[in-house]
Amino acid sequence: MTLGFSGAVAEYYSKFRRGYPPPVFDALQESFGLTHTDVVLDMGCGTGQLALPFASRVRSVVGVDPEPDMLRLARDSAESQSIRNVTWMLGADADLPALGALLGKRSVALTVIGQALHWMRHEELFRTVTPLLRTGGGIAVISNGTPLWLQDTPWSQALRGCLEQWLGTTLTATCGTSSSDRSRYGEALRSAGFDGVREIVVEYRDEMDFDQLFGGVCSAIPADRLPGPDERATFAERIRRALPADERFAEEVRVTMLVGQVPDVDT
């Protein structure tokens, strides 16, 4: 089952969706003792924003996503970067038991979910993934900053108003980025038996031009609601007129990694 991130939405996602800075990968590598003998599993991998940078740090990465177009673009990006140690698999969290049978017990050092957990049954996922994780390994639920239209800046507030008017709906979904979301996920990790559940935070300042902002917005709109090619220029112009006249739009990005480790016991 796909989630509406197909076609043009996937293209926007590949080109404009915010990636992750090196300190994020440094922190995860240190926390879980990742080496070039390890395997990383990326659930809801999208077009490879986490999977591809991880590839140079471990033996292999397995990227799983339910959207074929996302995987196609991820594969193209890997090919363009000559990255050969990532395997792309069509699937979702419900397919973890089958994936576990393929990979084997204790075969994975780290499972990452980058701002996709709100699409998944997280309690079941946490329980199901545990047998796959090696001693000292674990899981990282990564929140890659606040959605563009929910930030505390004038341009973000203007963007939100414009989008709500265009889409005819109130935009309240935090996509798993709020403190209440992280608290809920943390409790679920503890209930699933993970130890040392904690947050690791990386903060940085970024700036976007209008094309980057518009592309980021389009990467988050389901394909059945994204304006068609004939309407997209009008959509872009409506957003441009709603925003302040600044040529670049600054944001304070807070990347939050909620991590937990499997108990150091032989089960």
Protein backbone atom coordinates (compact mmCIF):
# COMPACT_ATOMS: atom_id res chain seq x y z
CA MET A 1 0.00 0.00 0.00
CA THR A 2 1.37 3.43 -0.94
CA LEU A 3 0.87 6.62 1.07
CA GLY A 4 0.44 9.13 -1.76
CA PHE A 5 4.13 9.98 -2.23
CA SER A 6 4.25 9.01 -5.89
CA GLY A 7 4.87 10.76 -9.18
CA ALA A 8 5.69 14.45 -8.92
CA VAL A 9 5.58 14.34 -5.11
CA ALA A 10 8.40 11.77 -5.10
CA GLU A 11 10.37 13.94 -7.53
CA TYR A 12 9.99 16.97 -5.26
CA TYR A 13 10.93 14.80 -2.29
CA SER A 14 14.14 13.62 -3.93
CA LYS A 15 15.21 17.09 -5.00
CA PHE A 16 14.04 19.32 -2.17
CA ARG A 17 13.37 17.37 1.03
CA ARG A 18 15.76 18.46 3.75
CA GLY A 19 18.61 16.05 4.38
CA TYR A 20 20.61 15.46 7.57
CA PRO A 21 23.91 17.11 8.55
CA PRO A 22 27.00 14.98 9.31
CA PRO A 23 26.74 15.46 13.12
CA VAL A 24 23.55 13.37 13.04
CA PHE A 25 25.40 10.40 11.58
CA ASP A 26 28.39 11.00 13.87
CA ALA A 27 26.12 10.87 16.94
CA LEU A 28 24.38 7.67 15.86
CA GLN A 29 27.64 5.98 14.90
CA GLU A 30 29.10 6.77 18.31
CA SER A 31 25.96 5.84 20.28
CA PHE A 32 25.66 2.40 18.70
CA GLY A 33 29.32 1.66 18.01
CA LEU A 34 28.74 1.28 14.28
CA THR A 35 31.59 -0.18 12.25
CA HIS A 36 32.18 -1.32 8.68
CA THR A 37 30.94 -4.78 9.65
CA ASP A 38 27.43 -3.55 10.53
CA VAL A 39 24.06 -3.42 8.77
CA VAL A 40 21.65 -0.48 9.11
CA LEU A 41 17.94 -0.87 8.40
CA ASP A 42 16.10 2.27 7.24
CA MET A 43 12.32 1.92 7.54
CA GLY A 44 10.36 4.41 5.43
CA CYS A 45 13.57 5.31 3.63
CA GLY A 46 12.00 7.65 1.08
CA THR A 47 14.55 8.67 -1.52
CA GLY A 48 17.52 7.82 0.69
CA GLN A 49 18.17 10.92 2.84
CA LEU A 50 19.38 8.67 5.68
CA ALA A 51 20.30 5.47 3.87
CA LEU A 52 22.77 6.96 1.40
CA PRO A 53 24.94 8.93 3.87
CA PHE A 54 25.03 5.91 6.18
CA ALA A 55 26.41 3.70 3.40
CA SER A 56 30.01 4.91 3.77
CA ARG A 57 29.99 4.18 7.52
CA VAL A 58 28.76 0.56 7.58
CA ARG A 59 28.97 -2.67 5.60
CA SER A 60 25.49 -2.31 4.11
CA VAL A 61 22.17 -0.50 4.40
CA VAL A 62 18.70 -1.89 3.72
CA GLY A 63 16.18 0.78 2.72
CA VAL A 64 12.50 -0.16 2.94
CA ASP A 65 9.63 1.96 1.62
CA PRO A 66 6.07 1.24 0.43
CA GLU A 67 6.25 3.67 -2.51
CA PRO A 68 7.88 2.36 -5.73
CA ASP A 69 8.61 5.85 -7.06
CA MET A 70 10.53 6.71 -3.90
CA LEU A 71 12.66 3.60 -4.27
CA ARG A 72 13.26 4.25 -7.96
CA LEU A 73 14.61 7.73 -7.21
CA ALA A 74 16.65 6.43 -4.26
CA ARG A 75 18.20 3.83 -6.53
CA ASP A 76 18.96 6.50 -9.16
CA SER A 77 20.62 8.68 -6.53
CA ALA A 78 22.73 5.78 -5.27
CA GLU A 79 23.79 5.01 -8.82
CA SER A 80 24.76 8.64 -9.49
CA GLN A 81 26.94 8.59 -6.35
CA SER A 82 28.42 5.15 -7.13
CA ILE A 83 27.03 3.77 -3.86
CA ARG A 84 26.83 -0.02 -4.18
CA ASN A 85 26.11 -1.26 -0.66
CA VAL A 86 22.46 -0.22 -0.27
CA THR A 87 19.64 -2.66 -0.98
CA TRP A 88 16.20 -1.17 -1.72
CA MET A 89 13.11 -3.17 -0.76
CA LEU A 90 9.44 -2.46 -1.41
CA GLY A 91 7.61 -2.91 1.88
CA ALA A 92 6.18 -1.39 5.04
CA ASP A 93 6.31 -1.93 8.78
CA ALA A 94 3.80 -4.78 8.42
CA ASP A 95 6.44 -6.63 6.38
CA LEU A 96 9.03 -6.66 9.18
CA PRO A 97 8.42 -10.32 10.13
CA ALA A 98 9.20 -11.43 6.58
CA LEU A 99 12.20 -9.12 6.42
CA GLY A 100 13.42 -10.49 9.74
CA ALA A 101 13.24 -14.02 8.39
CA LEU A 102 15.35 -12.90 5.45
CA LEU A 103 18.00 -11.01 7.42
CA GLY A 104 18.14 -13.30 10.45
CA LYS A 105 18.24 -12.68 14.19
CA ARG A 106 20.76 -10.20 15.60
CA SER A 107 21.83 -9.22 12.09
CA VAL A 108 21.09 -5.47 12.28
CA ALA A 109 23.08 -2.92 14.27
CA LEU A 110 20.66 -0.02 13.96
CA THR A 111 17.15 0.60 12.70
CA VAL A 112 16.38 4.19 11.76
CA ILE A 113 13.02 5.79 11.04
CA GLY A 114 13.34 9.32 9.69
CA GLN A 115 10.14 11.30 10.17
CA ALA A 116 8.00 8.42 8.92
CA LEU A 117 6.91 6.76 12.15
CA HIS A 118 3.55 8.58 12.15
CA TRP A 119 2.61 6.39 9.16
CA MET A 120 3.42 3.19 11.06
CA ARG A 121 2.07 1.11 13.94
CA HIS A 122 4.96 2.07 16.16
CA GLU A 123 4.25 -0.18 19.17
CA GLU A 124 4.15 -3.26 16.96
CA LEU A 125 7.20 -2.13 14.99
CA PHE A 126 9.28 -1.68 18.15
CA ARG A 127 8.44 -5.18 19.35
CA THR A 128 8.94 -6.82 15.96
CA VAL A 129 12.29 -5.23 15.19
CA THR A 130 13.90 -6.15 18.53
CA PRO A 131 14.94 -9.73 17.56
CA LEU A 132 16.78 -8.36 14.51
CA LEU A 133 19.07 -6.11 16.56
CA ARG A 134 22.55 -7.17 17.68
CA THR A 135 23.82 -6.64 21.21
CA GLY A 136 24.57 -2.96 21.67
CA GLY A 137 22.39 -2.13 18.70
CA GLY A 138 19.09 -0.36 18.75
CA ILE A 139 16.69 2.03 17.16
CA ALA A 140 16.63 5.74 16.34
CA VAL A 141 13.43 7.66 15.63
CA ILE A 142 14.54 10.87 13.95
CA SER A 143 12.53 14.09 13.78
CA ASN A 144 14.05 16.30 11.10
CA GLY A 145 12.84 19.71 12.22
CA THR A 146 9.38 21.26 12.34
CA PRO A 147 7.28 21.25 9.14
CA LEU A 148 7.81 24.40 7.08
CA TRP A 149 4.28 25.66 7.76
CA LEU A 150 4.34 25.16 11.55
CA GLN A 151 7.41 27.18 12.50
CA ASP A 152 7.45 30.28 14.66
CA THR A 153 8.44 32.80 12.00
CA PRO A 154 6.39 35.34 9.99
CA TRP A 155 7.10 33.58 6.70
CA SER A 156 6.00 30.20 8.11
CA GLN A 157 2.78 31.65 9.50
CA ALA A 158 2.05 33.30 6.16
CA LEU A 159 2.76 30.01 4.38
CA ARG A 160 0.40 28.14 6.69
CA GLY A 161 -2.44 30.59 6.05
CA CYS A 162 -1.95 30.34 2.31
CA LEU A 163 -1.86 26.54 2.32
CA GLU A 164 -4.92 26.25 4.54
CA GLN A 165 -6.86 28.51 2.19
CA TRP A 166 -5.72 26.63 -0.92
CA LEU A 167 -6.28 23.15 0.54
CA GLY A 168 -9.45 24.05 2.42
CA THR A 169 -8.30 22.45 5.68
CA THR A 170 -6.61 23.35 8.94
CA LEU A 171 -3.00 22.18 9.10
CA THR A 172 -2.31 20.80 12.56
CA ALA A 173 -0.44 17.52 11.94
CA THR A 174 3.08 17.68 13.34
CA CYS A 175 4.29 14.59 11.43
CA GLY A 176 5.78 13.13 14.59
CA THR A 177 7.89 16.20 15.41
CA SER A 178 6.15 17.51 18.54
CA SER A 179 7.30 16.93 22.12
CA SER A 180 4.11 14.95 22.81
CA ASP A 181 4.85 12.68 19.83
CA ARG A 182 8.38 12.03 21.08
CA SER A 183 7.13 11.37 24.61
CA ARG A 184 4.63 8.85 23.29
CA TYR A 185 7.25 7.11 21.18
CA GLY A 186 9.67 7.07 24.12
CA GLU A 187 7.17 5.34 26.36
CA ALA A 188 6.47 2.79 23.64
CA LEU A 189 10.21 2.07 23.30
CA ARG A 190 10.50 1.46 27.03
CA SER A 191 7.43 -0.78 26.97
CA ALA A 192 9.03 -2.78 24.15
CA GLY A 193 12.07 -3.41 26.37
CA PHE A 194 14.57 -0.88 25.02
CA ASP A 195 17.14 0.49 27.47
CA GLY A 196 18.70 3.92 27.76
CA VAL A 197 15.87 5.66 25.93
CA ARG A 198 16.95 9.26 25.45
CA GLU A 199 17.08 12.15 23.02
CA ILE A 200 20.11 13.35 21.10
CA VAL A 201 19.70 16.78 19.54
CA VAL A 202 21.54 18.47 16.67
CA GLU A 203 20.64 22.08 15.91
CA TYR A 204 21.64 24.30 13.03
CA ARG A 205 20.46 27.30 11.07
CA ASP A 206 19.51 27.01 7.43
CA GLU A 207 18.25 29.27 4.68
CA MET A 208 16.11 28.50 1.65
CA ASP A 209 15.30 30.39 -1.50
CA PHE A 210 11.74 30.32 -2.79
CA ASP A 211 12.27 27.34 -5.09
CA GLN A 212 13.58 25.26 -2.19
CA LEU A 213 10.69 26.30 0.03
CA PHE A 214 8.09 25.57 -2.65
CA GLY A 215 9.72 22.22 -3.45
CA GLY A 216 9.72 21.30 0.23
CA VAL A 217 6.02 22.09 0.46
CA CYS A 218 5.20 20.03 -2.63
CA SER A 219 7.19 17.10 -1.25
CA ALA A 220 4.74 16.89 1.67
CA ILE A 221 1.42 17.15 -0.19
CA PRO A 222 -0.19 13.78 -1.05
CA ALA A 223 -0.16 13.11 -4.78
CA ASP A 224 -3.95 13.27 -5.04
CA ARG A 225 -3.95 16.81 -3.56
CA LEU A 226 -0.90 18.24 -5.28
CA PRO A 227 -2.00 20.77 -7.93
CA GLY A 228 -1.57 19.37 -11.42
CA PRO A 229 1.03 20.68 -13.85
CA ASP A 230 -1.41 23.24 -15.28
CA GLU A 231 -2.20 24.65 -11.82
CA ARG A 232 1.21 24.44 -10.22
CA ALA A 233 2.49 27.80 -11.45
CA THR A 234 -0.63 29.46 -10.04
CA PHE A 235 -0.12 27.60 -6.76
CA ALA A 236 3.50 28.75 -6.59
CA GLU A 237 2.57 32.35 -7.34
CA ARG A 238 -0.12 32.34 -4.67
CA ILE A 239 2.45 31.20 -2.11
CA ARG A 240 5.05 33.71 -3.34
CA ARG A 241 2.62 36.61 -2.92
CA ALA A 242 1.63 35.46 0.57
CA LEU A 243 5.21 35.40 1.84
CA PRO A 244 7.37 38.32 2.96
CA ALA A 245 9.41 39.86 0.19
CA ASP A 246 12.69 38.39 1.49
CA GLU A 247 14.60 36.45 -1.13
CA ARG A 248 15.69 33.80 1.41
CA PHE A 249 13.82 32.20 4.29
CA ALA A 250 15.72 31.33 7.47
CA GLU A 251 14.83 28.47 9.79
CA GLU A 252 16.27 27.05 12.96
CA VAL A 253 16.38 23.29 12.41
CA ARG A 254 16.27 21.00 15.44
CA VAL A 255 17.02 17.37 14.57
CA THR A 256 15.91 15.14 17.44
CA MET A 257 17.06 11.53 17.62
CA LEU A 258 15.05 9.43 20.06
CA VAL A 259 17.24 6.38 20.65
CA GLY A 260 16.98 3.15 22.57
CA GLN A 261 19.24 0.11 22.84
CA VAL A 262 18.42 -3.57 23.09
CA PRO A 263 19.24 -5.07 26.49
CA ASP A 264 22.68 -6.65 26.77
CA VAL A 265 21.35 -10.14 27.39
CA ASP A 266 21.50 -13.41 25.46
CA THR A 267 17.93 -14.28 24.48
